[in-house]
Structures are given as C-alpha cells and as structure tokens.
Amino acid sequence: EVLMRNISFVILILFFSCARKKHIATDSTNWVSPKNLTPCSFLELVKQKGNVNDRLGVYDMTDDFPNNWIKHSDIDTLITLVNSKASCNCFLNPFSSYIPHEKADLGGYAIKLIKFYKENKKVSFGLYSCPTTNEKEANELIKWWSEQKK
C-alpha cells in the first residue's frame, strides 16, 4: 500500500511537471530547469501561486543549477529578502518520491542562496527543500555582507 502510494505520487509529479507551459526554462525532459534563470527569477517562481503543484505546496524543478550561478551582483537584492516571511512553495526535484508537508518562505530561500555564494558552493536543493527564515542567520549574513562592501 505504501509503495503504491509513493508510485502514485511520483506519477502525479511527473504528470504535472510534464504539463508545464513551454515559456518557463526547461531542459530536454520538459521539466523546469534553473539553467536559464537568475536567482531573482528563481525566487519569483517558487513564490508564485497558482501553478499546477500549488495544492501540494511545491514547485518542481530539476536540481541542475549551473556553477557560479549566484553572482556578486545578486547579493544586494538577496540580502534585502533574508527576513521576508512571504510564503513560498517548497523546492521539489521531479525525481523525489517524497512530497514535503512543510512550509517555505522567501527569507529562507534568500539565506540559503547567500550561504551557497558565501561558501563558494554549487547551488543544490537536493530532492526537496523547504527553507524558512532564521533570524539569527539572517542577521549574521547582513553583518557579513556589510563588512564585504567596505
């Protein structure tokens, strides 16, 4: 029974991800891909409401972010969002068999993206991610960024 439910979820996700409109950056599988997105356009997509997976609270996208995807010039905008509690969909890789039931918010995504940049790591949200704002981390990043700009 559990196996059948997981298979049903995977089929549901694959169906919805294949039903996406073509105007969104896609890879050869027709899944949404971040390759032609910027960090800001990525954030716009995850906070959009009304997409086909909105009932599930997820935004499905492949986890194939380009190397050095986040640029120095993106950080000024991202830093203004670290305390935002604006509701977002969770990131869901189409290959995930798990559908998260958590909530995500804009500040959480901004924090994660800045941390990837700061630590010089390739952006990866794995199979799923539901980042939320952490005030302590947000304040540390604001302080770090103000010191970087001196």
C-alpha atoms as a PDB file:
ATOM      1  CA  GLU A   1       0.000   0.000   0.000  1.00  0.00           C
ATOM      2  CA  VAL A   2       2.799   2.442   0.910  1.00  0.00           C
ATOM      3  CA  LEU A   3       4.693   1.508  -2.256  1.00  0.00           C
ATOM      4  CA  MET A   4       1.603   2.109  -4.400  1.00  0.00           C
ATOM      5  CA  ARG A   5       1.032   5.499  -2.738  1.00  0.00           C
ATOM      6  CA  ASN A   6       4.647   6.540  -3.404  1.00  0.00           C
ATOM      7  CA  ILE A   7       4.392   5.371  -7.008  1.00  0.00           C
ATOM      8  CA  SER A   8       1.164   7.354  -7.368  1.00  0.00           C
ATOM      9  CA  PHE A   9       2.870  10.493  -6.023  1.00  0.00           C
ATOM     10  CA  VAL A  10       5.760  10.079  -8.456  1.00  0.00           C
ATOM     11  CA  ILE A  11       3.360   9.613 -11.367  1.00  0.00           C
ATOM     12  CA  LEU A  12       1.397  12.667 -10.222  1.00  0.00           C
ATOM     13  CA  ILE A  13       4.546  14.795 -10.027  1.00  0.00           C
ATOM     14  CA  LEU A  14       5.771  13.589 -13.414  1.00  0.00           C
ATOM     15  CA  PHE A  15       2.370  14.294 -14.959  1.00  0.00           C
ATOM     16  CA  PHE A  16       2.220  17.820 -13.543  1.00  0.00           C
ATOM     17  CA  SER A  17       5.823  18.598 -14.386  1.00  0.00           C
ATOM     18  CA  CYS A  18       5.332  17.473 -17.985  1.00  0.00           C
ATOM     19  CA  ALA A  19       2.189  19.591 -18.245  1.00  0.00           C
ATOM     20  CA  ARG A  20       4.130  22.834 -17.646  1.00  0.00           C
ATOM     21  CA  LYS A  21       3.939  25.647 -20.122  1.00  0.00           C
ATOM     22  CA  LYS A  22       6.881  25.950 -22.502  1.00  0.00           C
ATOM     23  CA  HIS A  23       7.663  29.606 -21.665  1.00  0.00           C
ATOM     24  CA  ILE A  24       9.481  28.537 -18.484  1.00  0.00           C
ATOM     25  CA  ALA A  25      13.105  27.474 -18.882  1.00  0.00           C
ATOM     26  CA  THR A  26      13.082  23.721 -19.405  1.00  0.00           C
ATOM     27  CA  ASP A  27      15.634  21.057 -20.107  1.00  0.00           C
ATOM     28  CA  SER A  28      15.311  18.286 -22.703  1.00  0.00           C
ATOM     29  CA  THR A  29      12.813  16.428 -20.491  1.00  0.00           C
ATOM     30  CA  ASN A  30      10.415  19.398 -20.349  1.00  0.00           C
ATOM     31  CA  TRP A  31      10.953  19.718 -16.612  1.00  0.00           C
ATOM     32  CA  VAL A  32      11.616  23.193 -15.345  1.00  0.00           C
ATOM     33  CA  SER A  33      15.356  23.792 -15.163  1.00  0.00           C
ATOM     34  CA  PRO A  34      17.222  26.621 -13.410  1.00  0.00           C
ATOM     35  CA  LYS A  35      19.789  26.858 -16.220  1.00  0.00           C
ATOM     36  CA  ASN A  36      18.181  29.931 -17.810  1.00  0.00           C
ATOM     37  CA  LEU A  37      17.066  31.519 -14.564  1.00  0.00           C
ATOM     38  CA  THR A  38      18.710  34.048 -12.281  1.00  0.00           C
ATOM     39  CA  PRO A  39      18.452  33.803  -8.504  1.00  0.00           C
ATOM     40  CA  CYS A  40      15.751  36.513  -8.582  1.00  0.00           C
ATOM     41  CA  SER A  41      13.685  34.815 -11.293  1.00  0.00           C
ATOM     42  CA  PHE A  42      14.042  31.525  -9.390  1.00  0.00           C
ATOM     43  CA  LEU A  43      12.600  33.217  -6.286  1.00  0.00           C
ATOM     44  CA  GLU A  44       9.726  34.602  -8.355  1.00  0.00           C
ATOM     45  CA  LEU A  45       8.875  31.069  -9.499  1.00  0.00           C
ATOM     46  CA  VAL A  46       8.884  29.487  -6.036  1.00  0.00           C
ATOM     47  CA  LYS A  47       6.726  32.233  -4.583  1.00  0.00           C
ATOM     48  CA  GLN A  48       4.230  32.121  -7.447  1.00  0.00           C
ATOM     49  CA  LYS A  49       0.843  30.846  -6.532  1.00  0.00           C
ATOM     50  CA  GLY A  50      -1.476  29.121  -8.942  1.00  0.00           C
ATOM     51  CA  ASN A  51       0.985  26.682 -10.521  1.00  0.00           C
ATOM     52  CA  VAL A  52      -0.187  23.126 -11.060  1.00  0.00           C
ATOM     53  CA  ASN A  53       1.516  21.806  -7.916  1.00  0.00           C
ATOM     54  CA  ASP A  54       0.324  24.622  -5.660  1.00  0.00           C
ATOM     55  CA  ARG A  55      -2.179  22.305  -3.985  1.00  0.00           C
ATOM     56  CA  LEU A  56       0.821  20.274  -2.836  1.00  0.00           C
ATOM     57  CA  GLY A  57       2.778  23.373  -1.771  1.00  0.00           C
ATOM     58  CA  VAL A  58       5.701  22.509  -4.036  1.00  0.00           C
ATOM     59  CA  TYR A  59       7.445  23.826  -7.130  1.00  0.00           C
ATOM     60  CA  ASP A  60       9.053  21.032  -9.108  1.00  0.00           C
ATOM     61  CA  MET A  61      12.329  21.774 -10.852  1.00  0.00           C
ATOM     62  CA  THR A  62      15.464  19.850 -11.675  1.00  0.00           C
ATOM     63  CA  ASP A  63      18.398  20.413  -9.335  1.00  0.00           C
ATOM     64  CA  ASP A  64      20.927  21.170 -12.084  1.00  0.00           C
ATOM     65  CA  PHE A  65      21.980  24.685 -11.118  1.00  0.00           C
ATOM     66  CA  PRO A  66      24.961  25.965 -13.137  1.00  0.00           C
ATOM     67  CA  ASN A  67      28.339  26.503 -11.483  1.00  0.00           C
ATOM     68  CA  ASN A  68      28.778  30.057 -10.153  1.00  0.00           C
ATOM     69  CA  TRP A  69      25.070  30.661 -10.681  1.00  0.00           C
ATOM     70  CA  ILE A  70      24.859  33.275  -7.938  1.00  0.00           C
ATOM     71  CA  LYS A  71      26.779  36.414  -8.836  1.00  0.00           C
ATOM     72  CA  HIS A  72      28.222  39.092  -6.570  1.00  0.00           C
ATOM     73  CA  SER A  73      25.668  41.490  -8.050  1.00  0.00           C
ATOM     74  CA  ASP A  74      22.782  39.256  -6.849  1.00  0.00           C
ATOM     75  CA  ILE A  75      23.700  39.534  -3.177  1.00  0.00           C
ATOM     76  CA  ASP A  76      22.446  43.121  -2.704  1.00  0.00           C
ATOM     77  CA  THR A  77      18.949  42.015  -3.707  1.00  0.00           C
ATOM     78  CA  LEU A  78      19.087  38.726  -1.808  1.00  0.00           C
ATOM     79  CA  ILE A  79      20.244  40.431   1.394  1.00  0.00           C
ATOM     80  CA  THR A  80      17.089  42.598   1.391  1.00  0.00           C
ATOM     81  CA  LEU A  81      14.983  39.415   1.422  1.00  0.00           C
ATOM     82  CA  VAL A  82      16.598  37.439   4.264  1.00  0.00           C
ATOM     83  CA  ASN A  83      13.946  38.467   6.808  1.00  0.00           C
ATOM     84  CA  SER A  84      10.976  38.024   4.472  1.00  0.00           C
ATOM     85  CA  LYS A  85       8.284  35.692   5.721  1.00  0.00           C
ATOM     86  CA  ALA A  86       6.481  35.720   2.345  1.00  0.00           C
ATOM     87  CA  SER A  87       5.099  32.255   1.748  1.00  0.00           C
ATOM     88  CA  CYS A  88       6.739  30.154  -0.964  1.00  0.00           C
ATOM     89  CA  ASN A  89       6.380  26.680  -2.345  1.00  0.00           C
ATOM     90  CA  CYS A  90       8.931  24.061  -1.361  1.00  0.00           C
ATOM     91  CA  PHE A  91      11.505  23.082  -3.975  1.00  0.00           C
ATOM     92  CA  LEU A  92      10.783  19.576  -5.265  1.00  0.00           C
ATOM     93  CA  ASN A  93      13.076  17.670  -7.586  1.00  0.00           C
ATOM     94  CA  PRO A  94      10.960  15.648 -10.077  1.00  0.00           C
ATOM     95  CA  PHE A  95      12.981  12.561  -9.092  1.00  0.00           C
ATOM     96  CA  SER A  96      11.923  12.790  -5.444  1.00  0.00           C
ATOM     97  CA  SER A  97       9.455  10.213  -4.202  1.00  0.00           C
ATOM     98  CA  TYR A  98       8.642  12.366  -1.178  1.00  0.00           C
ATOM     99  CA  ILE A  99       6.233  15.263  -1.133  1.00  0.00           C
ATOM    100  CA  PRO A 100       7.090  17.599   1.744  1.00  0.00           C
ATOM    101  CA  HIS A 101       4.387  18.865   4.052  1.00  0.00           C
ATOM    102  CA  GLU A 102       6.492  21.686   5.480  1.00  0.00           C
ATOM    103  CA  LYS A 103       6.254  25.368   4.600  1.00  0.00           C
ATOM    104  CA  ALA A 104       8.906  27.516   2.928  1.00  0.00           C
ATOM    105  CA  ASP A 105       9.393  31.265   2.863  1.00  0.00           C
ATOM    106  CA  LEU A 106      11.267  33.800   0.787  1.00  0.00           C
ATOM    107  CA  GLY A 107      13.743  34.670   3.536  1.00  0.00           C
ATOM    108  CA  GLY A 108      14.698  31.024   3.888  1.00  0.00           C
ATOM    109  CA  TYR A 109      15.494  30.762   0.182  1.00  0.00           C
ATOM    110  CA  ALA A 110      17.452  34.038   0.241  1.00  0.00           C
ATOM    111  CA  ILE A 111      19.505  32.807   3.213  1.00  0.00           C
ATOM    112  CA  LYS A 112      20.300  29.506   1.502  1.00  0.00           C
ATOM    113  CA  LEU A 113      21.317  31.221  -1.741  1.00  0.00           C
ATOM    114  CA  ILE A 114      23.584  33.704   0.051  1.00  0.00           C
ATOM    115  CA  LYS A 115      25.174  30.881   2.029  1.00  0.00           C
ATOM    116  CA  PHE A 116      25.913  28.980  -1.195  1.00  0.00           C
ATOM    117  CA  TYR A 117      27.612  32.119  -2.535  1.00  0.00           C
ATOM    118  CA  LYS A 118      29.473  32.877   0.692  1.00  0.00           C
ATOM    119  CA  GLU A 119      30.762  29.302   0.994  1.00  0.00           C
ATOM    120  CA  ASN A 120      31.568  29.164  -2.740  1.00  0.00           C
ATOM    121  CA  LYS A 121      29.390  26.076  -3.182  1.00  0.00           C
ATOM    122  CA  LYS A 122      27.330  24.980  -6.134  1.00  0.00           C
ATOM    123  CA  VAL A 123      23.623  25.586  -5.545  1.00  0.00           C
ATOM    124  CA  SER A 124      21.784  22.356  -4.778  1.00  0.00           C
ATOM    125  CA  PHE A 125      18.466  21.846  -3.060  1.00  0.00           C
ATOM    126  CA  GLY A 126      18.663  18.050  -3.371  1.00  0.00           C
ATOM    127  CA  LEU A 127      15.464  16.081  -3.696  1.00  0.00           C
ATOM    128  CA  TYR A 128      13.395  18.647  -1.819  1.00  0.00           C
ATOM    129  CA  SER A 129      13.862  21.724   0.319  1.00  0.00           C
ATOM    130  CA  CYS A 130      11.535  23.894   2.370  1.00  0.00           C
ATOM    131  CA  PRO A 131      13.788  26.661   3.693  1.00  0.00           C
ATOM    132  CA  THR A 132      12.464  29.048   6.304  1.00  0.00           C
ATOM    133  CA  THR A 133      13.754  32.305   7.695  1.00  0.00           C
ATOM    134  CA  ASN A 134      16.130  32.058  10.621  1.00  0.00           C
ATOM    135  CA  GLU A 135      16.542  35.466  12.231  1.00  0.00           C
ATOM    136  CA  LYS A 136      19.981  34.699  13.665  1.00  0.00           C
ATOM    137  CA  GLU A 137      21.338  33.516  10.301  1.00  0.00           C
ATOM    138  CA  ALA A 138      19.713  36.484   8.563  1.00  0.00           C
ATOM    139  CA  ASN A 139      21.394  38.964  10.911  1.00  0.00           C
ATOM    140  CA  GLU A 140      24.764  37.219  10.560  1.00  0.00           C
ATOM    141  CA  LEU A 141      24.525  37.417   6.752  1.00  0.00           C
ATOM    142  CA  ILE A 142      23.500  41.084   6.836  1.00  0.00           C
ATOM    143  CA  LYS A 143      26.514  41.820   9.031  1.00  0.00           C
ATOM    144  CA  TRP A 144      28.819  39.730   6.804  1.00  0.00           C
ATOM    145  CA  TRP A 145      27.603  41.495   3.657  1.00  0.00           C
ATOM    146  CA  SER A 146      28.008  44.983   5.145  1.00  0.00           C
ATOM    147  CA  GLU A 147      31.613  44.081   6.027  1.00  0.00           C
ATOM    148  CA  GLN A 148      32.206  42.765   2.497  1.00  0.00           C
ATOM    149  CA  LYS A 149      31.065  46.043   0.991  1.00  0.00           C
ATOM    150  CA  LYS A 150      33.582  48.136   2.981  1.00  0.00           C
END
